Amino acid sequence: MKPSRKFGLPVAALLVIPFGADGQLLAAGGSDAGALIGLALVPGLIALLLYYHGLRAAPATAATIAELSFPLTALIVNAIAFGDRLSGTQLAGAALLAATVASFGIASRRGPQAIGVRARPLPATGLAGS
């Protein structure tokens, strides 16, 4: 029986997180545990609840376009809010992502068959009547 590796990275991260960049143990005490857990869970939980609530009412194409535009939006907000300068690779990736999202938006207006691949018919094998 092979050991499962799906928990390796999360467990390793939990072992390393309490130590800062300089190797010193972070100065969070037991009294801070509730606040830290609240800060970790509440914003993420609220965001996911709003996201899934919105998905119920949104068409699949709109949800896909919104999901694909998330990294681009985060990049733009980071550049504006924190004055982060974008590298050439980031600018190229942002342009490619913006073009992809725009092409999906344009194609989705043409109808459901405009996006995707067309299935080819399967060859007859003669096994159906056997």
N, C-alpha and C. Protein backbone atom coordinates (compact mmCIF):
# COMPACT_ATOMS: atom_id res chain seq x y z
N MET A 1 0.85 -1.18 0.00
CA MET A 1 0.00 0.00 0.00
C MET A 1 0.89 1.25 0.00
N LYS A 2 0.64 2.13 -0.95
CA LYS A 2 1.41 3.37 -1.05
C LYS A 2 0.89 4.40 -0.05
N PRO A 3 1.78 5.16 0.57
CA PRO A 3 1.30 6.23 1.45
C PRO A 3 0.72 7.37 0.63
N SER A 4 -0.30 8.00 1.17
CA SER A 4 -0.94 9.12 0.48
C SER A 4 -0.05 10.35 0.58
N ARG A 5 0.07 11.08 -0.53
CA ARG A 5 0.88 12.30 -0.55
C ARG A 5 0.03 13.56 -0.58
N LYS A 6 -1.28 13.41 -0.55
CA LYS A 6 -2.11 14.60 -0.72
C LYS A 6 -2.07 15.53 0.48
N PHE A 7 -1.61 15.06 1.63
CA PHE A 7 -1.55 15.93 2.80
C PHE A 7 -0.13 16.43 3.08
N GLY A 8 0.83 16.05 2.25
CA GLY A 8 2.23 16.40 2.51
C GLY A 8 2.49 17.89 2.57
N LEU A 9 2.07 18.63 1.55
CA LEU A 9 2.32 20.07 1.51
C LEU A 9 1.56 20.82 2.60
N PRO A 10 0.27 20.55 2.82
CA PRO A 10 -0.42 21.27 3.90
C PRO A 10 0.19 21.00 5.28
N VAL A 11 0.57 19.76 5.54
CA VAL A 11 1.18 19.45 6.84
C VAL A 11 2.53 20.15 6.96
N ALA A 12 3.33 20.13 5.90
CA ALA A 12 4.62 20.82 5.94
C ALA A 12 4.43 22.32 6.15
N ALA A 13 3.42 22.90 5.51
CA ALA A 13 3.15 24.34 5.69
C ALA A 13 2.77 24.64 7.13
N LEU A 14 1.95 23.79 7.72
CA LEU A 14 1.54 24.00 9.11
C LEU A 14 2.73 23.89 10.06
N LEU A 15 3.70 23.08 9.72
CA LEU A 15 4.88 22.96 10.56
C LEU A 15 5.81 24.16 10.43
N VAL A 16 5.81 24.81 9.26
CA VAL A 16 6.74 25.91 9.00
C VAL A 16 6.13 27.27 9.33
N ILE A 17 4.82 27.42 9.20
CA ILE A 17 4.16 28.73 9.36
C ILE A 17 4.45 29.40 10.70
N PRO A 18 4.50 28.68 11.83
CA PRO A 18 4.75 29.38 13.10
C PRO A 18 6.10 30.09 13.16
N PHE A 19 7.01 29.77 12.26
CA PHE A 19 8.32 30.40 12.26
C PHE A 19 8.35 31.50 11.21
N GLY A 20 8.85 32.66 11.60
CA GLY A 20 8.93 33.78 10.67
C GLY A 20 10.05 33.59 9.66
N ALA A 21 10.29 34.62 8.86
CA ALA A 21 11.33 34.56 7.83
C ALA A 21 12.72 34.43 8.44
N ASP A 22 12.89 34.92 9.66
CA ASP A 22 14.21 34.85 10.29
C ASP A 22 14.39 33.60 11.15
N GLY A 23 13.42 32.71 11.15
CA GLY A 23 13.54 31.47 11.90
C GLY A 23 13.09 31.57 13.34
N GLN A 24 12.69 32.75 13.77
CA GLN A 24 12.21 32.94 15.13
C GLN A 24 10.74 32.53 15.23
N LEU A 25 10.37 31.97 16.34
CA LEU A 25 8.98 31.60 16.55
C LEU A 25 8.14 32.88 16.62
N LEU A 26 7.03 32.91 15.90
CA LEU A 26 6.18 34.09 15.88
C LEU A 26 5.62 34.36 17.27
N ALA A 27 5.40 35.62 17.58
CA ALA A 27 4.99 36.02 18.92
C ALA A 27 3.48 36.08 19.07
N ALA A 28 2.79 35.01 18.74
CA ALA A 28 1.34 34.94 18.95
C ALA A 28 1.10 33.98 20.10
N GLY A 29 0.38 34.46 21.10
CA GLY A 29 0.11 33.63 22.27
C GLY A 29 -1.21 32.90 22.15
N GLY A 30 -1.51 32.11 23.17
CA GLY A 30 -2.76 31.35 23.18
C GLY A 30 -3.98 32.25 23.19
N SER A 31 -3.86 33.44 23.77
CA SER A 31 -5.01 34.35 23.80
C SER A 31 -5.32 34.91 22.41
N ASP A 32 -4.37 34.83 21.51
CA ASP A 32 -4.57 35.32 20.14
C ASP A 32 -5.20 34.27 19.23
N ALA A 33 -5.31 33.05 19.69
CA ALA A 33 -5.77 31.95 18.83
C ALA A 33 -7.16 32.21 18.29
N GLY A 34 -8.08 32.66 19.11
CA GLY A 34 -9.45 32.91 18.65
C GLY A 34 -9.50 33.99 17.58
N ALA A 35 -8.76 35.06 17.79
CA ALA A 35 -8.73 36.14 16.81
C ALA A 35 -8.10 35.68 15.50
N LEU A 36 -7.03 34.90 15.59
CA LEU A 36 -6.38 34.41 14.38
C LEU A 36 -7.28 33.46 13.60
N ILE A 37 -7.96 32.58 14.31
CA ILE A 37 -8.88 31.65 13.64
C ILE A 37 -10.03 32.43 13.01
N GLY A 38 -10.54 33.43 13.73
CA GLY A 38 -11.61 34.27 13.18
C GLY A 38 -11.18 35.01 11.93
N LEU A 39 -9.97 35.57 11.97
CA LEU A 39 -9.46 36.28 10.79
C LEU A 39 -9.22 35.34 9.62
N ALA A 40 -8.87 34.11 9.91
CA ALA A 40 -8.63 33.16 8.84
C ALA A 40 -9.92 32.64 8.24
N LEU A 41 -10.94 32.41 9.05
CA LEU A 41 -12.15 31.75 8.57
C LEU A 41 -13.26 32.70 8.12
N VAL A 42 -13.52 33.75 8.86
CA VAL A 42 -14.69 34.59 8.59
C VAL A 42 -14.64 35.28 7.23
N PRO A 43 -13.57 36.00 6.87
CA PRO A 43 -13.58 36.65 5.55
C PRO A 43 -13.69 35.65 4.40
N GLY A 44 -12.97 34.54 4.51
CA GLY A 44 -13.04 33.52 3.46
C GLY A 44 -14.42 32.89 3.37
N LEU A 45 -15.03 32.63 4.52
CA LEU A 45 -16.37 32.03 4.54
C LEU A 45 -17.39 32.99 3.94
N ILE A 46 -17.32 34.25 4.30
CA ILE A 46 -18.26 35.23 3.75
C ILE A 46 -18.06 35.36 2.24
N ALA A 47 -16.81 35.40 1.81
CA ALA A 47 -16.53 35.52 0.37
C ALA A 47 -17.07 34.31 -0.40
N LEU A 48 -16.86 33.11 0.13
CA LEU A 48 -17.36 31.92 -0.56
C LEU A 48 -18.88 31.86 -0.57
N LEU A 49 -19.52 32.26 0.53
CA LEU A 49 -20.99 32.27 0.56
C LEU A 49 -21.54 33.24 -0.48
N LEU A 50 -20.95 34.43 -0.57
CA LEU A 50 -21.39 35.39 -1.59
C LEU A 50 -21.13 34.87 -3.00
N TYR A 51 -19.99 34.24 -3.19
CA TYR A 51 -19.62 33.70 -4.51
C TYR A 51 -20.62 32.63 -4.94
N TYR A 52 -20.89 31.66 -4.08
CA TYR A 52 -21.81 30.58 -4.46
C TYR A 52 -23.25 31.06 -4.56
N HIS A 53 -23.62 32.06 -3.78
CA HIS A 53 -24.95 32.65 -3.92
C HIS A 53 -25.09 33.32 -5.30
N GLY A 54 -24.05 34.01 -5.71
CA GLY A 54 -24.06 34.65 -7.03
C GLY A 54 -24.05 33.64 -8.17
N LEU A 55 -23.39 32.50 -7.96
CA LEU A 55 -23.34 31.48 -9.01
C LEU A 55 -24.71 30.88 -9.30
N ARG A 56 -25.58 30.85 -8.30
CA ARG A 56 -26.92 30.29 -8.52
C ARG A 56 -27.70 31.09 -9.54
N ALA A 57 -27.50 32.39 -9.55
CA ALA A 57 -28.27 33.26 -10.44
C ALA A 57 -27.55 33.57 -11.75
N ALA A 58 -26.25 33.32 -11.80
CA ALA A 58 -25.47 33.71 -12.98
C ALA A 58 -25.45 32.59 -14.02
N PRO A 59 -25.52 32.95 -15.29
CA PRO A 59 -25.34 31.94 -16.33
C PRO A 59 -23.92 31.38 -16.29
N ALA A 60 -23.74 30.18 -16.80
CA ALA A 60 -22.43 29.52 -16.75
C ALA A 60 -21.35 30.34 -17.46
N THR A 61 -21.70 30.97 -18.58
CA THR A 61 -20.69 31.74 -19.31
C THR A 61 -20.23 32.95 -18.50
N ALA A 62 -21.17 33.61 -17.83
CA ALA A 62 -20.80 34.77 -17.01
C ALA A 62 -19.94 34.34 -15.82
N ALA A 63 -20.29 33.21 -15.21
CA ALA A 63 -19.50 32.71 -14.09
C ALA A 63 -18.08 32.34 -14.53
N THR A 64 -17.96 31.75 -15.70
CA THR A 64 -16.64 31.37 -16.22
C THR A 64 -15.80 32.60 -16.51
N ILE A 65 -16.40 33.60 -17.13
CA ILE A 65 -15.68 34.83 -17.44
C ILE A 65 -15.24 35.53 -16.15
N ALA A 66 -16.13 35.57 -15.16
CA ALA A 66 -15.78 36.20 -13.88
C ALA A 66 -14.65 35.45 -13.19
N GLU A 67 -14.70 34.13 -13.23
CA GLU A 67 -13.66 33.33 -12.59
C GLU A 67 -12.32 33.51 -13.29
N LEU A 68 -12.33 33.57 -14.60
CA LEU A 68 -11.08 33.76 -15.35
C LEU A 68 -10.50 35.16 -15.15
N SER A 69 -11.36 36.14 -14.90
CA SER A 69 -10.87 37.51 -14.75
C SER A 69 -10.37 37.81 -13.34
N PHE A 70 -10.56 36.89 -12.40
CA PHE A 70 -10.13 37.13 -11.02
C PHE A 70 -8.64 37.43 -10.91
N PRO A 71 -7.73 36.63 -11.50
CA PRO A 71 -6.30 36.95 -11.36
C PRO A 71 -5.94 38.30 -11.98
N LEU A 72 -6.58 38.65 -13.08
CA LEU A 72 -6.32 39.93 -13.72
C LEU A 72 -6.78 41.08 -12.82
N THR A 73 -7.94 40.92 -12.22
CA THR A 73 -8.46 41.94 -11.31
C THR A 73 -7.53 42.09 -10.10
N ALA A 74 -7.06 40.98 -9.55
CA ALA A 74 -6.15 41.04 -8.41
C ALA A 74 -4.85 41.75 -8.78
N LEU A 75 -4.36 41.50 -9.97
CA LEU A 75 -3.13 42.14 -10.44
C LEU A 75 -3.32 43.65 -10.57
N ILE A 76 -4.45 44.06 -11.12
CA ILE A 76 -4.74 45.49 -11.29
C ILE A 76 -4.91 46.18 -9.94
N VAL A 77 -5.67 45.55 -9.03
CA VAL A 77 -5.88 46.13 -7.70
C VAL A 77 -4.54 46.25 -6.97
N ASN A 78 -3.70 45.24 -7.07
CA ASN A 78 -2.39 45.28 -6.42
C ASN A 78 -1.54 46.41 -6.98
N ALA A 79 -1.60 46.62 -8.28
CA ALA A 79 -0.81 47.69 -8.89
C ALA A 79 -1.32 49.07 -8.48
N ILE A 80 -2.64 49.22 -8.40
CA ILE A 80 -3.21 50.53 -8.06
C ILE A 80 -3.12 50.80 -6.56
N ALA A 81 -3.54 49.83 -5.75
CA ALA A 81 -3.62 50.05 -4.30
C ALA A 81 -2.25 50.08 -3.64
N PHE A 82 -1.32 49.26 -4.11
CA PHE A 82 -0.03 49.15 -3.44
C PHE A 82 1.13 49.68 -4.28
N GLY A 83 0.83 50.21 -5.46
CA GLY A 83 1.88 50.77 -6.30
C GLY A 83 2.87 49.75 -6.82
N ASP A 84 2.45 48.49 -6.92
CA ASP A 84 3.33 47.44 -7.40
C ASP A 84 3.59 47.62 -8.89
N ARG A 85 4.85 47.59 -9.27
CA ARG A 85 5.22 47.71 -10.69
C ARG A 85 5.19 46.33 -11.32
N LEU A 86 4.54 46.23 -12.46
CA LEU A 86 4.40 44.95 -13.13
C LEU A 86 5.62 44.65 -13.99
N SER A 87 6.05 43.40 -13.97
CA SER A 87 7.17 42.99 -14.82
C SER A 87 6.65 42.75 -16.24
N GLY A 88 7.56 42.56 -17.16
CA GLY A 88 7.17 42.28 -18.54
C GLY A 88 6.37 41.00 -18.66
N THR A 89 6.76 39.99 -17.89
CA THR A 89 6.04 38.72 -17.91
C THR A 89 4.62 38.90 -17.39
N GLN A 90 4.47 39.68 -16.32
CA GLN A 90 3.13 39.93 -15.77
C GLN A 90 2.27 40.71 -16.76
N LEU A 91 2.86 41.69 -17.42
CA LEU A 91 2.11 42.46 -18.42
C LEU A 91 1.68 41.57 -19.58
N ALA A 92 2.58 40.70 -20.03
CA ALA A 92 2.24 39.78 -21.13
C ALA A 92 1.14 38.82 -20.70
N GLY A 93 1.24 38.29 -19.49
CA GLY A 93 0.21 37.39 -18.99
C GLY A 93 -1.12 38.09 -18.82
N ALA A 94 -1.09 39.34 -18.33
CA ALA A 94 -2.32 40.11 -18.17
C ALA A 94 -2.97 40.38 -19.52
N ALA A 95 -2.16 40.71 -20.52
CA ALA A 95 -2.71 40.95 -21.86
C ALA A 95 -3.32 39.68 -22.44
N LEU A 96 -2.64 38.55 -22.27
CA LEU A 96 -3.16 37.27 -22.76
C LEU A 96 -4.46 36.90 -22.06
N LEU A 97 -4.49 37.08 -20.74
CA LEU A 97 -5.70 36.77 -19.98
C LEU A 97 -6.85 37.70 -20.36
N ALA A 98 -6.56 38.99 -20.53
CA ALA A 98 -7.61 39.93 -20.94
C ALA A 98 -8.15 39.58 -22.32
N ALA A 99 -7.27 39.19 -23.23
CA ALA A 99 -7.72 38.79 -24.57
C ALA A 99 -8.57 37.53 -24.52
N THR A 100 -8.19 36.58 -23.67
CA THR A 100 -8.96 35.34 -23.53
C THR A 100 -10.33 35.61 -22.96
N VAL A 101 -10.39 36.41 -21.90
CA VAL A 101 -11.68 36.74 -21.28
C VAL A 101 -12.56 37.49 -22.27
N ALA A 102 -11.97 38.43 -23.01
CA ALA A 102 -12.75 39.18 -24.00
C ALA A 102 -13.26 38.27 -25.10
N SER A 103 -12.43 37.33 -25.56
CA SER A 103 -12.88 36.42 -26.62
C SER A 103 -13.99 35.50 -26.14
N PHE A 104 -13.93 35.06 -24.88
CA PHE A 104 -15.02 34.26 -24.32
C PHE A 104 -16.30 35.07 -24.25
N GLY A 105 -16.18 36.33 -23.85
CA GLY A 105 -17.36 37.19 -23.77
C GLY A 105 -18.00 37.40 -25.12
N ILE A 106 -17.18 37.63 -26.13
CA ILE A 106 -17.69 37.83 -27.49
C ILE A 106 -18.31 36.54 -28.02
N ALA A 107 -17.63 35.41 -27.81
CA ALA A 107 -18.12 34.13 -28.32
C ALA A 107 -19.40 33.70 -27.61
N SER A 108 -19.54 34.05 -26.33
CA SER A 108 -20.74 33.63 -25.60
C SER A 108 -21.99 34.34 -26.12
N ARG A 109 -21.83 35.49 -26.75
CA ARG A 109 -22.98 36.19 -27.33
C ARG A 109 -23.48 35.51 -28.59
N ARG A 110 -22.64 34.69 -29.20
CA ARG A 110 -23.02 34.01 -30.44
C ARG A 110 -23.85 32.76 -30.18
N GLY A 111 -23.91 32.31 -28.96
CA GLY A 111 -24.70 31.13 -28.63
C GLY A 111 -23.86 30.06 -27.98
N PRO A 112 -24.52 29.02 -27.48
CA PRO A 112 -23.79 27.99 -26.73
C PRO A 112 -22.83 27.17 -27.57
N GLN A 113 -23.02 27.10 -28.87
CA GLN A 113 -22.13 26.30 -29.72
C GLN A 113 -20.87 27.05 -30.13
N ALA A 114 -20.76 28.34 -29.78
CA ALA A 114 -19.63 29.13 -30.22
C ALA A 114 -18.35 28.80 -29.47
N ILE A 115 -18.46 28.26 -28.26
CA ILE A 115 -17.29 27.96 -27.45
C ILE A 115 -17.21 26.46 -27.26
N GLY A 116 -16.03 25.91 -27.41
CA GLY A 116 -15.83 24.50 -27.13
C GLY A 116 -15.38 23.73 -28.35
N VAL A 117 -15.39 22.45 -28.21
CA VAL A 117 -14.99 21.58 -29.31
C VAL A 117 -16.18 20.76 -29.74
N ARG A 118 -16.15 20.34 -30.97
CA ARG A 118 -17.23 19.54 -31.51
C ARG A 118 -16.86 18.06 -31.40
N ALA A 119 -17.76 17.28 -30.86
CA ALA A 119 -17.49 15.85 -30.70
C ALA A 119 -17.60 15.15 -32.05
N ARG A 120 -16.64 14.29 -32.33
CA ARG A 120 -16.68 13.49 -33.55
C ARG A 120 -17.46 12.21 -33.28
N PRO A 121 -18.20 11.73 -34.27
CA PRO A 121 -18.91 10.47 -34.05
C PRO A 121 -17.92 9.32 -33.88
N LEU A 122 -18.28 8.38 -33.02
CA LEU A 122 -17.43 7.23 -32.78
C LEU A 122 -17.53 6.25 -33.94
N PRO A 123 -16.44 5.62 -34.30
CA PRO A 123 -16.50 4.64 -35.38
C PRO A 123 -17.28 3.40 -34.93
N ALA A 124 -17.97 2.78 -35.87
CA ALA A 124 -18.72 1.57 -35.57
C ALA A 124 -17.74 0.43 -35.34
N THR A 125 -17.92 -0.29 -34.24
CA THR A 125 -17.01 -1.39 -33.91
C THR A 125 -17.64 -2.75 -34.10
N GLY A 126 -18.95 -2.79 -34.23
CA GLY A 126 -19.62 -4.07 -34.40
C GLY A 126 -19.84 -4.80 -33.08
N LEU A 127 -19.52 -4.16 -31.97
CA LEU A 127 -19.68 -4.80 -30.67
C LEU A 127 -21.06 -4.57 -30.07
N ALA A 128 -21.81 -3.64 -30.62
CA ALA A 128 -23.10 -3.29 -30.03
C ALA A 128 -24.09 -4.45 -30.09
N GLY A 129 -24.11 -5.22 -31.15
CA GLY A 129 -25.07 -6.31 -31.29
C GLY A 129 -24.55 -7.63 -30.77
N SER A 130 -23.33 -7.71 -30.31
CA SER A 130 -22.75 -8.98 -29.88
C SER A 130 -23.27 -9.43 -28.54
